[in-house]
Amino acid sequence: MSAENKGSMMDAVARKAAFDAACGGASEDVLTTLNGASDALNWIEEIFRVIEENALIEHRGFRIRNLAAAGAYLAAEFGNETDVMHERMRDGLIASGCMVPGAEQGRATAGAE
């Protein structure tokens, strides 16, 4: 491996380490969490589309209730996982000096009015 390639590889490793430190965890964890959240939102979208279609058909209450329960479960699970990742990233950014405490704006919370 040439000296230039070694330097480039070391730069990439250093940038990844800095990113991981700033985000409060491994970048792979960030990508995995975001991918899971994206999947969950797509599933929830489909659940609500089926609920909407079934709401107009008589005797579909049981199916609608099960779909609603599945949607609530997915939303809670992936919402919690995404919140944990968000907090780790925020804390890492603050610890690295990339963000000042309290700088985050526009974060909605459940039940906030």
N, C-alpha and C. Protein backbone atom coordinates (compact mmCIF):
# COMPACT_ATOMS: atom_id res chain seq x y z
N MET A 1 0.85 -1.18 0.00
CA MET A 1 0.00 0.00 0.00
C MET A 1 0.89 1.23 0.00
N SER A 2 0.58 2.19 -0.86
CA SER A 2 1.41 3.39 -0.97
C SER A 2 1.20 4.27 0.25
N ALA A 3 2.14 5.18 0.46
CA ALA A 3 2.05 6.11 1.59
C ALA A 3 0.81 6.98 1.46
N GLU A 4 0.47 7.35 0.23
CA GLU A 4 -0.71 8.18 -0.02
C GLU A 4 -1.99 7.42 0.37
N ASN A 5 -2.07 6.15 0.00
CA ASN A 5 -3.24 5.34 0.35
C ASN A 5 -3.34 5.12 1.84
N LYS A 6 -2.17 4.92 2.49
CA LYS A 6 -2.16 4.75 3.95
C LYS A 6 -2.67 6.02 4.62
N GLY A 7 -2.20 7.17 4.14
CA GLY A 7 -2.64 8.44 4.71
C GLY A 7 -4.12 8.65 4.52
N SER A 8 -4.61 8.32 3.33
CA SER A 8 -6.03 8.46 3.03
C SER A 8 -6.86 7.54 3.92
N MET A 9 -6.38 6.30 4.11
CA MET A 9 -7.08 5.33 4.96
C MET A 9 -7.08 5.83 6.41
N MET A 10 -5.96 6.35 6.87
CA MET A 10 -5.88 6.85 8.24
C MET A 10 -6.80 8.06 8.42
N ASP A 11 -6.89 8.92 7.40
CA ASP A 11 -7.80 10.06 7.47
C ASP A 11 -9.24 9.58 7.59
N ALA A 12 -9.61 8.58 6.80
CA ALA A 12 -10.97 8.04 6.85
C ALA A 12 -11.27 7.43 8.21
N VAL A 13 -10.32 6.72 8.77
CA VAL A 13 -10.49 6.11 10.09
C VAL A 13 -10.64 7.20 11.14
N ALA A 14 -9.83 8.24 11.04
CA ALA A 14 -9.91 9.36 12.00
C ALA A 14 -11.25 10.09 11.88
N ARG A 15 -11.72 10.30 10.65
CA ARG A 15 -13.02 10.97 10.46
C ARG A 15 -14.15 10.13 11.02
N LYS A 16 -14.09 8.81 10.81
CA LYS A 16 -15.13 7.93 11.35
C LYS A 16 -15.11 7.96 12.88
N ALA A 17 -13.91 7.91 13.46
CA ALA A 17 -13.80 7.95 14.92
C ALA A 17 -14.35 9.27 15.47
N ALA A 18 -14.07 10.37 14.79
CA ALA A 18 -14.58 11.67 15.22
C ALA A 18 -16.11 11.71 15.10
N PHE A 19 -16.63 11.18 14.01
CA PHE A 19 -18.07 11.13 13.82
C PHE A 19 -18.72 10.27 14.90
N ASP A 20 -18.15 9.09 15.15
CA ASP A 20 -18.69 8.20 16.17
C ASP A 20 -18.69 8.87 17.53
N ALA A 21 -17.60 9.57 17.86
CA ALA A 21 -17.51 10.25 19.15
C ALA A 21 -18.54 11.37 19.23
N ALA A 22 -18.68 12.12 18.16
CA ALA A 22 -19.62 13.24 18.16
C ALA A 22 -21.06 12.76 18.23
N CYS A 23 -21.34 11.61 17.66
CA CYS A 23 -22.71 11.09 17.64
C CYS A 23 -23.04 10.23 18.85
N GLY A 24 -22.09 10.01 19.71
CA GLY A 24 -22.35 9.24 20.91
C GLY A 24 -22.44 7.75 20.69
N GLY A 25 -21.90 7.26 19.60
CA GLY A 25 -21.92 5.83 19.34
C GLY A 25 -21.40 5.53 17.96
N ALA A 26 -21.45 4.29 17.59
CA ALA A 26 -20.95 3.87 16.30
C ALA A 26 -21.89 4.36 15.19
N SER A 27 -21.29 4.82 14.10
CA SER A 27 -22.09 5.30 12.98
C SER A 27 -22.98 4.19 12.43
N GLU A 28 -22.53 2.95 12.55
CA GLU A 28 -23.35 1.82 12.10
C GLU A 28 -24.65 1.75 12.91
N ASP A 29 -24.57 2.07 14.22
CA ASP A 29 -25.77 2.08 15.06
C ASP A 29 -26.75 3.15 14.60
N VAL A 30 -26.20 4.30 14.22
CA VAL A 30 -27.05 5.40 13.74
C VAL A 30 -27.79 4.95 12.48
N LEU A 31 -27.06 4.37 11.55
CA LEU A 31 -27.67 3.93 10.30
C LEU A 31 -28.69 2.81 10.53
N THR A 32 -28.38 1.88 11.41
CA THR A 32 -29.30 0.78 11.71
C THR A 32 -30.58 1.32 12.33
N THR A 33 -30.46 2.25 13.27
CA THR A 33 -31.64 2.82 13.91
C THR A 33 -32.49 3.60 12.91
N LEU A 34 -31.85 4.39 12.08
CA LEU A 34 -32.60 5.16 11.08
C LEU A 34 -33.27 4.24 10.07
N ASN A 35 -32.60 3.18 9.68
CA ASN A 35 -33.19 2.21 8.75
C ASN A 35 -34.40 1.53 9.39
N GLY A 36 -34.26 1.13 10.64
CA GLY A 36 -35.38 0.51 11.36
C GLY A 36 -36.56 1.45 11.51
N ALA A 37 -36.26 2.71 11.81
CA ALA A 37 -37.33 3.70 11.95
C ALA A 37 -38.04 3.92 10.62
N SER A 38 -37.28 3.96 9.54
CA SER A 38 -37.87 4.12 8.22
C SER A 38 -38.78 2.94 7.89
N ASP A 39 -38.31 1.73 8.15
CA ASP A 39 -39.14 0.53 7.93
C ASP A 39 -40.42 0.60 8.75
N ALA A 40 -40.28 0.96 10.03
CA ALA A 40 -41.44 1.01 10.92
C ALA A 40 -42.46 2.02 10.42
N LEU A 41 -42.01 3.17 9.96
CA LEU A 41 -42.95 4.17 9.45
C LEU A 41 -43.66 3.67 8.20
N ASN A 42 -42.95 2.95 7.36
CA ASN A 42 -43.61 2.36 6.18
C ASN A 42 -44.65 1.32 6.59
N TRP A 43 -44.33 0.49 7.59
CA TRP A 43 -45.28 -0.50 8.07
C TRP A 43 -46.52 0.19 8.66
N ILE A 44 -46.27 1.23 9.46
CA ILE A 44 -47.39 1.95 10.09
C ILE A 44 -48.26 2.60 9.02
N GLU A 45 -47.63 3.14 7.99
CA GLU A 45 -48.41 3.71 6.88
C GLU A 45 -49.34 2.65 6.28
N GLU A 46 -48.81 1.47 6.03
CA GLU A 46 -49.62 0.40 5.44
C GLU A 46 -50.74 -0.02 6.38
N ILE A 47 -50.45 -0.10 7.67
CA ILE A 47 -51.48 -0.46 8.65
C ILE A 47 -52.63 0.54 8.59
N PHE A 48 -52.30 1.83 8.55
CA PHE A 48 -53.36 2.83 8.52
C PHE A 48 -54.13 2.82 7.20
N ARG A 49 -53.47 2.48 6.12
CA ARG A 49 -54.19 2.35 4.84
C ARG A 49 -55.21 1.21 4.91
N VAL A 50 -54.81 0.08 5.51
CA VAL A 50 -55.73 -1.07 5.64
C VAL A 50 -56.86 -0.73 6.61
N ILE A 51 -56.54 -0.04 7.70
CA ILE A 51 -57.59 0.37 8.64
C ILE A 51 -58.60 1.26 7.93
N GLU A 52 -58.10 2.21 7.15
CA GLU A 52 -58.99 3.11 6.42
C GLU A 52 -59.91 2.34 5.47
N GLU A 53 -59.34 1.38 4.75
CA GLU A 53 -60.14 0.57 3.83
C GLU A 53 -61.18 -0.28 4.57
N ASN A 54 -60.80 -0.84 5.71
CA ASN A 54 -61.68 -1.75 6.44
C ASN A 54 -62.71 -1.02 7.30
N ALA A 55 -62.47 0.24 7.59
CA ALA A 55 -63.38 0.99 8.46
C ALA A 55 -64.77 1.12 7.84
N LEU A 56 -64.87 1.03 6.54
CA LEU A 56 -66.16 1.20 5.87
C LEU A 56 -66.89 -0.12 5.64
N ILE A 57 -66.26 -1.23 6.01
CA ILE A 57 -66.86 -2.55 5.81
C ILE A 57 -67.43 -3.04 7.15
N GLU A 58 -68.67 -3.50 7.11
CA GLU A 58 -69.30 -3.99 8.34
C GLU A 58 -68.56 -5.20 8.89
N HIS A 59 -68.62 -5.37 10.20
CA HIS A 59 -68.08 -6.53 10.91
C HIS A 59 -66.55 -6.64 10.77
N ARG A 60 -65.87 -5.55 10.68
CA ARG A 60 -64.41 -5.57 10.59
C ARG A 60 -63.75 -4.99 11.85
N GLY A 61 -64.53 -4.83 12.90
CA GLY A 61 -64.02 -4.22 14.13
C GLY A 61 -62.83 -4.95 14.72
N PHE A 62 -62.89 -6.30 14.73
CA PHE A 62 -61.79 -7.08 15.31
C PHE A 62 -60.50 -6.85 14.54
N ARG A 63 -60.58 -6.88 13.23
CA ARG A 63 -59.39 -6.67 12.39
C ARG A 63 -58.85 -5.24 12.58
N ILE A 64 -59.73 -4.29 12.62
CA ILE A 64 -59.30 -2.90 12.81
C ILE A 64 -58.61 -2.74 14.16
N ARG A 65 -59.18 -3.36 15.21
CA ARG A 65 -58.57 -3.26 16.54
C ARG A 65 -57.18 -3.87 16.53
N ASN A 66 -57.00 -5.02 15.89
CA ASN A 66 -55.67 -5.66 15.84
C ASN A 66 -54.67 -4.82 15.05
N LEU A 67 -55.10 -4.25 13.95
CA LEU A 67 -54.21 -3.40 13.16
C LEU A 67 -53.82 -2.15 13.94
N ALA A 68 -54.77 -1.56 14.64
CA ALA A 68 -54.48 -0.38 15.45
C ALA A 68 -53.49 -0.72 16.57
N ALA A 69 -53.67 -1.89 17.20
CA ALA A 69 -52.75 -2.31 18.25
C ALA A 69 -51.34 -2.54 17.69
N ALA A 70 -51.26 -3.14 16.50
CA ALA A 70 -49.95 -3.36 15.87
C ALA A 70 -49.29 -2.03 15.54
N GLY A 71 -50.04 -1.08 15.03
CA GLY A 71 -49.51 0.24 14.72
C GLY A 71 -49.00 0.96 15.96
N ALA A 72 -49.77 0.87 17.04
CA ALA A 72 -49.36 1.50 18.29
C ALA A 72 -48.06 0.87 18.82
N TYR A 73 -47.99 -0.45 18.73
CA TYR A 73 -46.78 -1.16 19.19
C TYR A 73 -45.56 -0.72 18.37
N LEU A 74 -45.69 -0.74 17.04
CA LEU A 74 -44.56 -0.36 16.18
C LEU A 74 -44.14 1.09 16.44
N ALA A 75 -45.11 1.97 16.56
CA ALA A 75 -44.80 3.37 16.80
C ALA A 75 -44.07 3.55 18.13
N ALA A 76 -44.53 2.87 19.17
CA ALA A 76 -43.89 2.99 20.48
C ALA A 76 -42.48 2.41 20.48
N GLU A 77 -42.31 1.22 19.93
CA GLU A 77 -41.00 0.57 19.92
C GLU A 77 -39.97 1.37 19.14
N PHE A 78 -40.31 1.74 17.91
CA PHE A 78 -39.35 2.45 17.09
C PHE A 78 -39.22 3.91 17.51
N GLY A 79 -40.26 4.47 18.10
CA GLY A 79 -40.15 5.81 18.66
C GLY A 79 -39.17 5.84 19.82
N ASN A 80 -39.26 4.84 20.69
CA ASN A 80 -38.32 4.75 21.82
C ASN A 80 -36.89 4.54 21.34
N GLU A 81 -36.71 3.65 20.38
CA GLU A 81 -35.37 3.38 19.86
C GLU A 81 -34.77 4.63 19.21
N THR A 82 -35.58 5.34 18.47
CA THR A 82 -35.12 6.55 17.81
C THR A 82 -34.82 7.64 18.85
N ASP A 83 -35.63 7.74 19.91
CA ASP A 83 -35.35 8.71 20.97
C ASP A 83 -34.02 8.44 21.65
N VAL A 84 -33.73 7.16 21.92
CA VAL A 84 -32.46 6.81 22.54
C VAL A 84 -31.29 7.22 21.65
N MET A 85 -31.40 6.93 20.36
CA MET A 85 -30.34 7.30 19.42
C MET A 85 -30.20 8.82 19.36
N HIS A 86 -31.32 9.52 19.35
CA HIS A 86 -31.31 10.98 19.32
C HIS A 86 -30.56 11.54 20.54
N GLU A 87 -30.88 11.02 21.72
CA GLU A 87 -30.23 11.49 22.94
C GLU A 87 -28.73 11.20 22.92
N ARG A 88 -28.34 10.01 22.45
CA ARG A 88 -26.91 9.67 22.36
C ARG A 88 -26.19 10.60 21.40
N MET A 89 -26.83 10.87 20.26
CA MET A 89 -26.21 11.76 19.28
C MET A 89 -26.10 13.18 19.85
N ARG A 90 -27.18 13.68 20.46
CA ARG A 90 -27.17 15.03 21.04
C ARG A 90 -26.10 15.15 22.11
N ASP A 91 -26.03 14.17 23.01
CA ASP A 91 -25.04 14.21 24.08
C ASP A 91 -23.62 14.15 23.52
N GLY A 92 -23.41 13.33 22.48
CA GLY A 92 -22.10 13.25 21.84
C GLY A 92 -21.71 14.55 21.17
N LEU A 93 -22.67 15.19 20.51
CA LEU A 93 -22.39 16.46 19.84
C LEU A 93 -22.08 17.55 20.87
N ILE A 94 -22.78 17.55 21.99
CA ILE A 94 -22.50 18.52 23.05
C ILE A 94 -21.13 18.25 23.65
N ALA A 95 -20.83 16.97 23.96
CA ALA A 95 -19.54 16.61 24.56
C ALA A 95 -18.37 16.95 23.64
N SER A 96 -18.58 16.85 22.32
CA SER A 96 -17.49 17.13 21.38
C SER A 96 -17.36 18.61 21.07
N GLY A 97 -18.29 19.42 21.57
CA GLY A 97 -18.25 20.85 21.31
C GLY A 97 -18.88 21.25 19.99
N CYS A 98 -19.51 20.30 19.30
CA CYS A 98 -20.16 20.61 18.01
C CYS A 98 -21.53 21.25 18.20
N MET A 99 -22.05 21.20 19.42
CA MET A 99 -23.38 21.74 19.70
C MET A 99 -23.39 22.25 21.13
N VAL A 100 -24.07 23.36 21.35
CA VAL A 100 -24.17 23.87 22.71
C VAL A 100 -25.46 23.36 23.34
N PRO A 101 -25.45 23.11 24.66
CA PRO A 101 -26.67 22.63 25.32
C PRO A 101 -27.82 23.61 25.09
N GLY A 102 -28.98 23.09 24.82
CA GLY A 102 -30.17 23.92 24.62
C GLY A 102 -30.30 24.49 23.22
N ALA A 103 -29.37 24.16 22.32
CA ALA A 103 -29.41 24.72 20.96
C ALA A 103 -30.46 24.05 20.09
N GLU A 104 -30.91 22.90 20.50
CA GLU A 104 -31.88 22.15 19.70
C GLU A 104 -33.25 22.82 19.80
N GLN A 105 -33.89 23.01 18.65
CA GLN A 105 -35.20 23.65 18.63
C GLN A 105 -36.17 22.83 17.80
N GLY A 106 -37.45 23.03 18.05
CA GLY A 106 -38.46 22.41 17.23
C GLY A 106 -38.72 20.95 17.53
N ARG A 107 -38.26 20.44 18.66
CA ARG A 107 -38.47 19.04 19.02
C ARG A 107 -39.83 18.91 19.68
N ALA A 108 -40.71 18.18 19.02
CA ALA A 108 -42.06 17.95 19.57
C ALA A 108 -42.01 16.81 20.57
N THR A 109 -42.79 16.91 21.61
CA THR A 109 -42.88 15.83 22.58
C THR A 109 -44.35 15.44 22.72
N ALA A 110 -44.57 14.19 23.02
CA ALA A 110 -45.94 13.68 23.16
C ALA A 110 -46.66 14.46 24.27
N GLY A 111 -47.85 14.92 23.97
CA GLY A 111 -48.65 15.61 24.97
C GLY A 111 -48.30 17.07 25.14
N ALA A 112 -47.28 17.57 24.45
CA ALA A 112 -46.91 18.97 24.56
C ALA A 112 -47.91 19.83 23.81
N GLU A 113 -48.23 20.94 24.41
CA GLU A 113 -49.17 21.85 23.75
C GLU A 113 -48.57 23.21 23.66
